Each structure stands twice: as structure tokens, then as C-alpha cells.
C-alpha atoms as a PDB file:
ATOM      1  CA  UNK A   1       0.000   0.000   0.000  1.00  0.00           C
ATOM      2  CA  UNK A   2       1.744   3.162  -1.234  1.00  0.00           C
ATOM      3  CA  UNK A   3       1.325   6.619   0.227  1.00  0.00           C
ATOM      4  CA  UNK A   4       0.495   7.998  -3.244  1.00  0.00           C
ATOM      5  CA  UNK A   5      -2.441   5.614  -3.525  1.00  0.00           C
ATOM      6  CA  UNK A   6      -3.638   6.638  -0.063  1.00  0.00           C
ATOM      7  CA  UNK A   7      -3.524  10.317  -1.052  1.00  0.00           C
ATOM      8  CA  UNK A   8      -5.601   9.602  -4.146  1.00  0.00           C
ATOM      9  CA  UNK A   9      -8.034   7.491  -2.118  1.00  0.00           C
ATOM     10  CA  UNK A  10      -8.323  10.280   0.465  1.00  0.00           C
ATOM     11  CA  UNK A  11      -9.045  12.883  -2.219  1.00  0.00           C
ATOM     12  CA  UNK A  12     -11.713  10.742  -3.916  1.00  0.00           C
ATOM     13  CA  UNK A  13     -13.333  10.121  -0.534  1.00  0.00           C
ATOM     14  CA  UNK A  14     -13.407  13.868   0.168  1.00  0.00           C
ATOM     15  CA  UNK A  15     -14.758  14.816  -3.266  1.00  0.00           C
ATOM     16  CA  UNK A  16     -17.103  11.837  -3.759  1.00  0.00           C
ATOM     17  CA  UNK A  17     -16.441  12.103  -7.464  1.00  0.00           C
ATOM     18  CA  UNK A  18     -13.607  10.831  -9.683  1.00  0.00           C
ATOM     19  CA  UNK A  19     -13.670  13.794 -12.058  1.00  0.00           C
ATOM     20  CA  UNK A  20     -13.406  16.398  -9.297  1.00  0.00           C
ATOM     21  CA  UNK A  21     -10.720  14.400  -7.520  1.00  0.00           C
ATOM     22  CA  UNK A  22      -8.672  14.124 -10.731  1.00  0.00           C
ATOM     23  CA  UNK A  23      -8.949  17.876 -11.333  1.00  0.00           C
ATOM     24  CA  UNK A  24      -7.893  18.642  -7.776  1.00  0.00           C
ATOM     25  CA  UNK A  25      -4.916  16.287  -7.985  1.00  0.00           C
ATOM     26  CA  UNK A  26      -3.909  17.356 -11.494  1.00  0.00           C
ATOM     27  CA  UNK A  27      -4.234  13.807 -12.869  1.00  0.00           C
ATOM     28  CA  UNK A  28      -6.218  12.377 -15.750  1.00  0.00           C
ATOM     29  CA  UNK A  29      -9.352  10.603 -14.567  1.00  0.00           C
ATOM     30  CA  UNK A  30      -8.310   7.232 -15.984  1.00  0.00           C
ATOM     31  CA  UNK A  31      -5.191   7.310 -13.810  1.00  0.00           C
ATOM     32  CA  UNK A  32      -7.221   8.012 -10.679  1.00  0.00           C
ATOM     33  CA  UNK A  33      -9.671   5.231 -11.559  1.00  0.00           C
ATOM     34  CA  UNK A  34      -6.840   2.759 -12.117  1.00  0.00           C
ATOM     35  CA  UNK A  35      -5.156   3.652  -8.805  1.00  0.00           C
ATOM     36  CA  UNK A  36      -8.406   3.207  -6.876  1.00  0.00           C
ATOM     37  CA  UNK A  37      -9.025  -0.175  -8.517  1.00  0.00           C
ATOM     38  CA  UNK A  38      -5.446  -1.218  -7.758  1.00  0.00           C
ATOM     39  CA  UNK A  39      -5.902  -0.249  -4.113  1.00  0.00           C
ATOM     40  CA  UNK A  40      -9.183  -2.175  -3.900  1.00  0.00           C
ATOM     41  CA  UNK A  41      -7.477  -5.197  -5.420  1.00  0.00           C
ATOM     42  CA  UNK A  42      -4.613  -4.878  -2.944  1.00  0.00           C
ATOM     43  CA  UNK A  43      -6.861  -4.777   0.128  1.00  0.00           C
ATOM     44  CA  UNK A  44      -9.261  -7.353  -1.317  1.00  0.00           C
ATOM     45  CA  UNK A  45     -12.511  -5.446  -0.918  1.00  0.00           C
ATOM     46  CA  UNK A  46     -14.536  -2.594  -2.423  1.00  0.00           C
ATOM     47  CA  UNK A  47     -13.719   0.776  -0.904  1.00  0.00           C
ATOM     48  CA  UNK A  48     -16.442   2.749  -2.683  1.00  0.00           C
ATOM     49  CA  UNK A  49     -20.088   2.231  -3.589  1.00  0.00           C
ATOM     50  CA  UNK A  50     -20.596   3.576  -7.110  1.00  0.00           C
ATOM     51  CA  UNK A  51     -23.879   5.281  -8.017  1.00  0.00           C
ATOM     52  CA  UNK A  52     -25.264   7.885 -10.431  1.00  0.00           C
ATOM     53  CA  UNK A  53     -24.391  10.786  -8.142  1.00  0.00           C
ATOM     54  CA  UNK A  54     -20.784   9.752  -7.641  1.00  0.00           C
ATOM     55  CA  UNK A  55     -19.037   7.527  -5.106  1.00  0.00           C
ATOM     56  CA  UNK A  56     -19.738   6.846  -1.435  1.00  0.00           C
ATOM     57  CA  UNK A  57     -17.368   5.121   0.954  1.00  0.00           C
ATOM     58  CA  UNK A  58     -18.176   1.521   1.782  1.00  0.00           C
ATOM     59  CA  UNK A  59     -17.795   0.375   5.429  1.00  0.00           C
ATOM     60  CA  UNK A  60     -14.305  -0.883   4.559  1.00  0.00           C
ATOM     61  CA  UNK A  61     -13.556   2.441   2.859  1.00  0.00           C
ATOM     62  CA  UNK A  62     -14.605   4.376   5.962  1.00  0.00           C
ATOM     63  CA  UNK A  63     -12.234   2.247   8.044  1.00  0.00           C
ATOM     64  CA  UNK A  64      -9.354   2.783   5.620  1.00  0.00           C
ATOM     65  CA  UNK A  65      -9.981   6.536   5.478  1.00  0.00           C
ATOM     66  CA  UNK A  66      -9.415   6.740   9.234  1.00  0.00           C
ATOM     67  CA  UNK A  67      -5.948   5.243   8.786  1.00  0.00           C
ATOM     68  CA  UNK A  68      -5.252   7.155   5.557  1.00  0.00           C
ATOM     69  CA  UNK A  69      -5.927  10.497   7.271  1.00  0.00           C
ATOM     70  CA  UNK A  70      -3.436   9.611  10.011  1.00  0.00           C
ATOM     71  CA  UNK A  71      -0.781   8.259   7.647  1.00  0.00           C
ATOM     72  CA  UNK A  72      -0.979  11.146   5.173  1.00  0.00           C
ATOM     73  CA  UNK A  73      -1.117  13.629   8.038  1.00  0.00           C
ATOM     74  CA  UNK A  74       2.035  12.196   9.619  1.00  0.00           C
ATOM     75  CA  UNK A  75       3.864  12.194   6.279  1.00  0.00           C
ATOM     76  CA  UNK A  76       2.945  15.852   5.766  1.00  0.00           C
ATOM     77  CA  UNK A  77       4.091  16.624   9.301  1.00  0.00           C
ATOM     78  CA  UNK A  78       7.433  14.924   8.577  1.00  0.00           C
ATOM     79  CA  UNK A  79       7.837  16.984   5.408  1.00  0.00           C
ATOM     80  CA  UNK A  80       7.180  20.190   7.321  1.00  0.00           C
ATOM     81  CA  UNK A  81       9.674  19.263  10.012  1.00  0.00           C
ATOM     82  CA  UNK A  82      12.410  18.479   7.503  1.00  0.00           C
ATOM     83  CA  UNK A  83      11.842  21.594   5.412  1.00  0.00           C
ATOM     84  CA  UNK A  84      11.239  23.987   8.285  1.00  0.00           C
ATOM     85  CA  UNK A  85      13.135  27.259   8.394  1.00  0.00           C
ATOM     86  CA  UNK A  86      13.410  29.926  11.046  1.00  0.00           C
ATOM     87  CA  UNK A  87      11.637  32.400   8.773  1.00  0.00           C
ATOM     88  CA  UNK A  88       7.846  31.777   8.670  1.00  0.00           C
ATOM     89  CA  UNK A  89       6.853  30.677   5.169  1.00  0.00           C
ATOM     90  CA  UNK A  90       4.735  28.150   3.288  1.00  0.00           C
ATOM     91  CA  UNK A  91       1.101  27.174   3.809  1.00  0.00           C
ATOM     92  CA  UNK A  92      -0.736  27.652   7.111  1.00  0.00           C
ATOM     93  CA  UNK A  93      -4.261  26.222   7.329  1.00  0.00           C
ATOM     94  CA  UNK A  94      -6.389  27.730  10.095  1.00  0.00           C
ATOM     95  CA  UNK A  95     -10.017  26.938  10.916  1.00  0.00           C
ATOM     96  CA  UNK A  96     -12.576  29.035  12.779  1.00  0.00           C
ATOM     97  CA  UNK A  97     -16.195  29.321  13.740  1.00  0.00           C
ATOM     98  CA  UNK A  98     -18.008  31.844  11.563  1.00  0.00           C
ATOM     99  CA  UNK A  99     -18.499  34.292  14.412  1.00  0.00           C
ATOM    100  CA  UNK A 100     -14.817  34.449  15.338  1.00  0.00           C
ATOM    101  CA  UNK A 101     -13.859  34.619  11.652  1.00  0.00           C
ATOM    102  CA  UNK A 102     -16.161  37.571  11.057  1.00  0.00           C
ATOM    103  CA  UNK A 103     -15.313  39.641  14.123  1.00  0.00           C
ATOM    104  CA  UNK A 104     -12.074  38.581  15.774  1.00  0.00           C
ATOM    105  CA  UNK A 105      -9.782  37.328  13.027  1.00  0.00           C
ATOM    106  CA  UNK A 106      -9.606  40.004  10.293  1.00  0.00           C
ATOM    107  CA  UNK A 107      -7.374  42.281  12.374  1.00  0.00           C
ATOM    108  CA  UNK A 108      -5.244  39.357  13.589  1.00  0.00           C
ATOM    109  CA  UNK A 109      -4.806  37.959  10.071  1.00  0.00           C
ATOM    110  CA  UNK A 110      -3.956  41.387   8.629  1.00  0.00           C
ATOM    111  CA  UNK A 111      -1.293  41.916  11.296  1.00  0.00           C
ATOM    112  CA  UNK A 112       0.124  38.441  10.725  1.00  0.00           C
ATOM    113  CA  UNK A 113       0.287  38.784   6.947  1.00  0.00           C
ATOM    114  CA  UNK A 114       1.961  42.181   7.235  1.00  0.00           C
ATOM    115  CA  UNK A 115       4.740  40.662   9.349  1.00  0.00           C
ATOM    116  CA  UNK A 116       5.002  37.340   7.483  1.00  0.00           C
ATOM    117  CA  UNK A 117       4.102  37.843   3.798  1.00  0.00           C
ATOM    118  CA  UNK A 118       5.842  34.593   2.777  1.00  0.00           C
ATOM    119  CA  UNK A 119       3.175  32.548   4.582  1.00  0.00           C
ATOM    120  CA  UNK A 120       0.235  31.364   2.483  1.00  0.00           C
ATOM    121  CA  UNK A 121      -2.518  31.737   5.073  1.00  0.00           C
ATOM    122  CA  UNK A 122      -5.892  30.072   4.444  1.00  0.00           C
ATOM    123  CA  UNK A 123      -9.060  30.053   6.543  1.00  0.00           C
ATOM    124  CA  UNK A 124     -11.739  27.367   6.740  1.00  0.00           C
ATOM    125  CA  UNK A 125     -14.994  28.012   8.631  1.00  0.00           C
ATOM    126  CA  UNK A 126     -17.297  25.481  10.236  1.00  0.00           C
ATOM    127  CA  UNK A 127     -18.904  24.473  13.510  1.00  0.00           C
ATOM    128  CA  UNK A 128     -16.747  23.546  16.479  1.00  0.00           C
ATOM    129  CA  UNK A 129     -17.143  19.776  16.167  1.00  0.00           C
ATOM    130  CA  UNK A 130     -16.185  19.729  12.484  1.00  0.00           C
ATOM    131  CA  UNK A 131     -13.160  21.919  13.198  1.00  0.00           C
ATOM    132  CA  UNK A 132     -11.999  19.613  15.987  1.00  0.00           C
ATOM    133  CA  UNK A 133     -12.270  16.637  13.636  1.00  0.00           C
ATOM    134  CA  UNK A 134     -10.247  18.488  10.996  1.00  0.00           C
ATOM    135  CA  UNK A 135      -7.468  19.324  13.464  1.00  0.00           C
ATOM    136  CA  UNK A 136      -7.407  15.743  14.754  1.00  0.00           C
ATOM    137  CA  UNK A 137      -7.266  14.510  11.144  1.00  0.00           C
ATOM    138  CA  UNK A 138      -4.303  16.802  10.279  1.00  0.00           C
ATOM    139  CA  UNK A 139      -6.445  18.781   7.804  1.00  0.00           C
ATOM    140  CA  UNK A 140      -5.861  22.004   9.755  1.00  0.00           C
ATOM    141  CA  UNK A 141      -2.822  23.178  11.708  1.00  0.00           C
ATOM    142  CA  UNK A 142      -5.085  24.894  14.230  1.00  0.00           C
ATOM    143  CA  UNK A 143      -8.609  26.186  14.733  1.00  0.00           C
ATOM    144  CA  UNK A 144     -10.684  28.591  16.807  1.00  0.00           C
ATOM    145  CA  UNK A 145     -13.616  26.759  18.409  1.00  0.00           C
ATOM    146  CA  UNK A 146     -16.462  28.003  20.589  1.00  0.00           C
ATOM    147  CA  UNK A 147     -16.283  25.352  23.310  1.00  0.00           C
ATOM    148  CA  UNK A 148     -13.890  23.452  25.524  1.00  0.00           C
ATOM    149  CA  UNK A 149     -12.194  20.349  24.148  1.00  0.00           C
ATOM    150  CA  UNK A 150     -11.224  17.320  26.223  1.00  0.00           C
ATOM    151  CA  UNK A 151      -9.848  15.161  23.409  1.00  0.00           C
ATOM    152  CA  UNK A 152      -6.578  13.557  24.561  1.00  0.00           C
ATOM    153  CA  UNK A 153      -4.760  14.527  21.335  1.00  0.00           C
ATOM    154  CA  UNK A 154      -5.733  18.216  21.487  1.00  0.00           C
ATOM    155  CA  UNK A 155      -4.059  21.168  23.218  1.00  0.00           C
ATOM    156  CA  UNK A 156      -6.230  24.246  23.712  1.00  0.00           C
ATOM    157  CA  UNK A 157      -5.446  27.902  24.408  1.00  0.00           C
ATOM    158  CA  UNK A 158      -8.339  30.115  25.632  1.00  0.00           C
ATOM    159  CA  UNK A 159      -8.160  33.354  23.651  1.00  0.00           C
ATOM    160  CA  UNK A 160     -11.463  35.276  23.474  1.00  0.00           C
ATOM    161  CA  UNK A 161     -13.986  35.579  26.315  1.00  0.00           C
ATOM    162  CA  UNK A 162     -17.386  36.679  24.974  1.00  0.00           C
ATOM    163  CA  UNK A 163     -20.587  37.824  26.710  1.00  0.00           C
ATOM    164  CA  UNK A 164     -23.654  36.281  25.072  1.00  0.00           C
ATOM    165  CA  UNK A 165     -27.172  37.636  24.663  1.00  0.00           C
ATOM    166  CA  UNK A 166     -30.418  36.362  23.238  1.00  0.00           C
ATOM    167  CA  UNK A 167     -31.399  38.848  20.525  1.00  0.00           C
ATOM    168  CA  UNK A 168     -34.738  39.736  18.989  1.00  0.00           C
ATOM    169  CA  UNK A 169     -36.055  42.452  16.696  1.00  0.00           C
ATOM    170  CA  UNK A 170     -38.037  44.223  19.384  1.00  0.00           C
ATOM    171  CA  UNK A 171     -41.014  44.484  17.029  1.00  0.00           C
ATOM    172  CA  UNK A 172     -43.456  42.716  19.347  1.00  0.00           C
ATOM    173  CA  UNK A 173     -44.071  41.909  23.014  1.00  0.00           C
ATOM    174  CA  UNK A 174     -40.910  40.545  24.609  1.00  0.00           C
ATOM    175  CA  UNK A 175     -42.453  37.346  26.013  1.00  0.00           C
ATOM    176  CA  UNK A 176     -44.069  36.495  22.697  1.00  0.00           C
ATOM    177  CA  UNK A 177     -40.862  37.025  20.750  1.00  0.00           C
ATOM    178  CA  UNK A 178     -38.755  34.902  23.046  1.00  0.00           C
ATOM    179  CA  UNK A 179     -41.105  31.946  23.428  1.00  0.00           C
ATOM    180  CA  UNK A 180     -43.051  31.666  20.170  1.00  0.00           C
ATOM    181  CA  UNK A 181     -40.766  32.732  17.344  1.00  0.00           C
ATOM    182  CA  UNK A 182     -38.357  30.358  15.562  1.00  0.00           C
ATOM    183  CA  UNK A 183     -34.713  30.246  16.571  1.00  0.00           C
ATOM    184  CA  UNK A 184     -32.234  31.154  13.832  1.00  0.00           C
ATOM    185  CA  UNK A 185     -29.050  29.136  14.191  1.00  0.00           C
ATOM    186  CA  UNK A 186     -26.190  27.389  12.439  1.00  0.00           C
ATOM    187  CA  UNK A 187     -26.220  23.632  11.854  1.00  0.00           C
ATOM    188  CA  UNK A 188     -25.862  21.004  14.580  1.00  0.00           C
ATOM    189  CA  UNK A 189     -22.529  21.180  16.352  1.00  0.00           C
ATOM    190  CA  UNK A 190     -22.722  24.951  16.849  1.00  0.00           C
ATOM    191  CA  UNK A 191     -22.009  25.956  20.462  1.00  0.00           C
ATOM    192  CA  UNK A 192     -24.344  28.975  20.304  1.00  0.00           C
ATOM    193  CA  UNK A 193     -27.194  26.746  19.183  1.00  0.00           C
ATOM    194  CA  UNK A 194     -26.613  24.336  22.064  1.00  0.00           C
ATOM    195  CA  UNK A 195     -26.722  27.138  24.654  1.00  0.00           C
ATOM    196  CA  UNK A 196     -29.838  28.712  23.118  1.00  0.00           C
ATOM    197  CA  UNK A 197     -31.697  25.397  23.058  1.00  0.00           C
ATOM    198  CA  UNK A 198     -30.676  24.754  26.669  1.00  0.00           C
ATOM    199  CA  UNK A 199     -31.935  28.186  27.735  1.00  0.00           C
ATOM    200  CA  UNK A 200     -35.254  27.713  25.943  1.00  0.00           C
ATOM    201  CA  UNK A 201     -35.685  24.316  27.591  1.00  0.00           C
ATOM    202  CA  UNK A 202     -35.106  25.873  31.030  1.00  0.00           C
ATOM    203  CA  UNK A 203     -37.640  28.561  30.074  1.00  0.00           C
ATOM    204  CA  UNK A 204     -40.241  25.907  29.272  1.00  0.00           C
ATOM    205  CA  UNK A 205     -39.920  25.944  25.462  1.00  0.00           C
ATOM    206  CA  UNK A 206     -39.084  22.307  24.704  1.00  0.00           C
ATOM    207  CA  UNK A 207     -39.751  22.028  20.947  1.00  0.00           C
ATOM    208  CA  UNK A 208     -38.782  25.331  19.304  1.00  0.00           C
ATOM    209  CA  UNK A 209     -39.090  25.812  15.562  1.00  0.00           C
ATOM    210  CA  UNK A 210     -35.526  25.760  14.214  1.00  0.00           C
ATOM    211  CA  UNK A 211     -34.342  27.549  11.078  1.00  0.00           C
ATOM    212  CA  UNK A 212     -30.766  26.823  10.017  1.00  0.00           C
ATOM    213  CA  UNK A 213     -28.677  29.454   8.237  1.00  0.00           C
ATOM    214  CA  UNK A 214     -25.241  29.175   6.695  1.00  0.00           C
ATOM    215  CA  UNK A 215     -23.805  32.594   7.561  1.00  0.00           C
ATOM    216  CA  UNK A 216     -23.682  35.030  10.458  1.00  0.00           C
ATOM    217  CA  UNK A 217     -24.987  37.809   8.223  1.00  0.00           C
ATOM    218  CA  UNK A 218     -28.085  35.789   7.330  1.00  0.00           C
ATOM    219  CA  UNK A 219     -28.865  35.111  10.991  1.00  0.00           C
ATOM    220  CA  UNK A 220     -28.528  38.791  11.954  1.00  0.00           C
ATOM    221  CA  UNK A 221     -30.680  39.887   8.995  1.00  0.00           C
ATOM    222  CA  UNK A 222     -33.312  37.305   9.885  1.00  0.00           C
ATOM    223  CA  UNK A 223     -33.519  38.470  13.490  1.00  0.00           C
ATOM    224  CA  UNK A 224     -33.556  42.138  12.453  1.00  0.00           C
ATOM    225  CA  UNK A 225     -36.504  41.490  10.134  1.00  0.00           C
ATOM    226  CA  UNK A 226     -38.497  39.876  12.950  1.00  0.00           C
ATOM    227  CA  UNK A 227     -38.246  36.346  11.575  1.00  0.00           C
ATOM    228  CA  UNK A 228     -36.990  34.867  14.847  1.00  0.00           C
ATOM    229  CA  UNK A 229     -34.501  35.075  17.700  1.00  0.00           C
ATOM    230  CA  UNK A 230     -30.907  33.967  18.094  1.00  0.00           C
ATOM    231  CA  UNK A 231     -27.966  33.868  20.500  1.00  0.00           C
ATOM    232  CA  UNK A 232     -24.899  35.938  19.655  1.00  0.00           C
ATOM    233  CA  UNK A 233     -21.874  37.580  21.320  1.00  0.00           C
ATOM    234  CA  UNK A 234     -22.305  41.226  22.214  1.00  0.00           C
ATOM    235  CA  UNK A 235     -19.395  42.249  19.969  1.00  0.00           C
ATOM    236  CA  UNK A 236     -21.314  40.973  16.924  1.00  0.00           C
ATOM    237  CA  UNK A 237     -24.555  42.877  17.589  1.00  0.00           C
ATOM    238  CA  UNK A 238     -23.214  46.073  19.175  1.00  0.00           C
ATOM    239  CA  UNK A 239     -23.958  48.334  16.205  1.00  0.00           C
ATOM    240  CA  UNK A 240     -27.456  46.916  15.688  1.00  0.00           C
ATOM    241  CA  UNK A 241     -28.258  47.428  19.385  1.00  0.00           C
ATOM    242  CA  UNK A 242     -27.028  51.034  19.307  1.00  0.00           C
ATOM    243  CA  UNK A 243     -29.076  51.750  16.166  1.00  0.00           C
ATOM    244  CA  UNK A 244     -32.217  50.210  17.660  1.00  0.00           C
ATOM    245  CA  UNK A 245     -32.404  47.362  15.154  1.00  0.00           C
ATOM    246  CA  UNK A 246     -32.071  44.619  17.753  1.00  0.00           C
ATOM    247  CA  UNK A 247     -33.025  44.123  21.367  1.00  0.00           C
ATOM    248  CA  UNK A 248     -30.804  42.052  23.674  1.00  0.00           C
ATOM    249  CA  UNK A 249     -31.952  39.857  26.539  1.00  0.00           C
ATOM    250  CA  UNK A 250     -29.668  38.691  29.341  1.00  0.00           C
ATOM    251  CA  UNK A 251     -28.977  35.056  30.119  1.00  0.00           C
ATOM    252  CA  UNK A 252     -28.530  33.437  33.530  1.00  0.00           C
ATOM    253  CA  UNK A 253     -25.013  33.251  34.950  1.00  0.00           C
ATOM    254  CA  UNK A 254     -23.389  30.091  33.655  1.00  0.00           C
ATOM    255  CA  UNK A 255     -24.925  30.477  30.201  1.00  0.00           C
ATOM    256  CA  UNK A 256     -23.990  34.077  29.447  1.00  0.00           C
ATOM    257  CA  UNK A 257     -20.318  33.670  28.536  1.00  0.00           C
ATOM    258  CA  UNK A 258     -18.375  31.656  26.007  1.00  0.00           C
ATOM    259  CA  UNK A 259     -14.652  31.127  25.696  1.00  0.00           C
ATOM    260  CA  UNK A 260     -13.167  30.744  22.230  1.00  0.00           C
ATOM    261  CA  UNK A 261     -10.202  28.361  22.260  1.00  0.00           C
ATOM    262  CA  UNK A 262      -7.420  27.943  19.731  1.00  0.00           C
ATOM    263  CA  UNK A 263      -6.676  24.241  19.338  1.00  0.00           C
ATOM    264  CA  UNK A 264      -3.802  22.263  17.829  1.00  0.00           C
ATOM    265  CA  UNK A 265      -2.752  18.633  17.855  1.00  0.00           C
ATOM    266  CA  UNK A 266      -0.374  17.903  20.724  1.00  0.00           C
ATOM    267  CA  UNK A 267       1.865  15.775  18.525  1.00  0.00           C
ATOM    268  CA  UNK A 268       1.845  18.119  15.533  1.00  0.00           C
ATOM    269  CA  UNK A 269       5.048  19.724  14.370  1.00  0.00           C
ATOM    270  CA  UNK A 270       4.889  23.435  15.167  1.00  0.00           C
ATOM    271  CA  UNK A 271       6.282  25.099  12.058  1.00  0.00           C
ATOM    272  CA  UNK A 272       7.768  28.562  12.192  1.00  0.00           C
ATOM    273  CA  UNK A 273       4.586  29.820  10.490  1.00  0.00           C
ATOM    274  CA  UNK A 274       2.310  28.251  13.128  1.00  0.00           C
ATOM    275  CA  UNK A 275       4.598  29.275  15.972  1.00  0.00           C
ATOM    276  CA  UNK A 276       4.560  32.902  14.807  1.00  0.00           C
ATOM    277  CA  UNK A 277       0.760  32.793  14.523  1.00  0.00           C
ATOM    278  CA  UNK A 278       0.336  31.393  18.028  1.00  0.00           C
ATOM    279  CA  UNK A 279       2.716  34.041  19.289  1.00  0.00           C
ATOM    280  CA  UNK A 280       0.236  36.708  18.186  1.00  0.00           C
ATOM    281  CA  UNK A 281      -2.711  35.232  20.079  1.00  0.00           C
ATOM    282  CA  UNK A 282      -3.996  37.138  23.121  1.00  0.00           C
ATOM    283  CA  UNK A 283      -1.753  36.520  26.123  1.00  0.00           C
ATOM    284  CA  UNK A 284      -4.141  37.151  29.032  1.00  0.00           C
ATOM    285  CA  UNK A 285      -4.610  33.385  29.474  1.00  0.00           C
ATOM    286  CA  UNK A 286      -2.125  30.571  30.002  1.00  0.00           C
ATOM    287  CA  UNK A 287      -1.929  27.465  27.834  1.00  0.00           C
ATOM    288  CA  UNK A 288      -4.370  24.744  28.842  1.00  0.00           C
ATOM    289  CA  UNK A 289      -3.477  21.245  27.769  1.00  0.00           C
ATOM    290  CA  UNK A 290      -6.309  18.759  28.061  1.00  0.00           C
ATOM    291  CA  UNK A 291      -4.374  15.683  29.029  1.00  0.00           C
ATOM    292  CA  UNK A 292      -3.983  13.071  31.701  1.00  0.00           C
END
């Protein structure tokens, strides 16, 4: 089993389509198809279920992908370690929740790029659980997540402490808005959604209507228009509150704050690019390593 075949297998699994995988890898499709068939022959089982919409991992394929992610990740880590220089350069893949990406990171990224223009900095957004999985799977060097993380392979640095508020449009009676309107949230795995659902449950609203949105801007616009309510950090809604577009409602102590953590793999090689980035993170907290 060659590492090149595992990289191709990993790419096809991620894309779910031979054509897209070939384009991403810069190969002709027939070559990708042949390598996948060779790998299936080598392991003695089908790794993909073929259908009209593309390719889906078989149970054996899902098992192999777990190992492929680790193997490819470790090989990439070895390459970084061997080619590392004291001057930050090369790719740096960072992940973040949408809220942190929209409010906290632009200034940090601009400062970093100004000091280290040789680094190719990229940002991926997603919910906290997906970001943790991507860091664990070596897909990201680090990520900003909106919750604590007790995974034994993860080290976490608390960086941003946010005060949270339930927000509504203020167009109707407060009780009616908070208990009868839909909640506007991200997909499952979002820390804000979990807190909001917990608060509604404590308030006696056990089956709220849920509307999922893909962006922070869409959620804020939906709340402003009176469509529903949401839970957001004060820094995100400050201008709307001042301009009278939104009304904020306090949460009980224990629910009203959220710490954003920056996470990395404990065993990951810290390149000069990643080390310089971590050196720019807020310093008012000490490193927390979730181990032992």
C-alpha cells in the first residue's frame, strides 16, 4: 500500500467524485480510476459504492480513510519538520467558527500577513465539532472553536472571552418574541445553538421551531426582520443594538459567557509559520493542555 495511492483514495473520498478528484490532484481521470481499482485489489474489498451521483465510501472504505488520514497527516508533518526554516513561510491552514472569523480574526490575520508575507494563510470556517475533527485529522494546523475540548490529542489555548445575549427584533411583546418565534441558528454542532436550546428548555420551550442558516450575516438579517430570535456575542450585535435594530436579553449566569479556544494537535510539528501565529494570540490566558 503506497502513500500515493492513499492520497488519491483520500481525495476521492473527500470529493465523492472521480472527475473532481482528478482535477484537484492534477491527474487524468483514468489514472485516478486505475489507482483506486489497484488499491481495492490490494486490500481485497470494495472501498467505494458507485452510483449515479458519484461515489460513497463503503464500510471498509470508511475504516481505511481513518488510517489514511493519520498516515498522510504524519507524512505531511514529517515533510514540514524536515523543510522547516526559522523564517515563517509556506502554507498555514487555520479553521474558525463563523463568528470568530467575522469579528475577531480580520485584524489578527492582517497583522500576521503584514509581518510574514511569505506565509500562504488560508481560513476554513465550520462548527466547532467539524473543526476539531479536521485538526485531529491533520487537515488544519489549528482552529478557533467556541467550546472546551477534552480530546486527549488536542491542546487548547483560551483566547477570546465573549458575553452572550439572546437577541430579537423588538417588534413585538418581549415574552411572545422569546417563546413563540423560531430560533435562527447554524447547523448542529454549533455551540451557540446548544446554549440557546438549553436556555429555551429551562424557560419551558421544549420544541422550538428551528431555522438553520449558513452565515452570520443571514442570521442577523433574519432576526432584524423579525423572523426569529438567536444567540450571539455582544461584539457581533453592538452596532445593531445602538441603532435600535435589535433588542438584547440577558442570560442566567453560567450560560452568558463563552470562551473561544485555539486548538492544535499535541503531537503536531509546530512550524515557524504556526509558531509565529500562536505568538500573536492574546496573552491574558495561560496554555491549557487537556491531558492526563
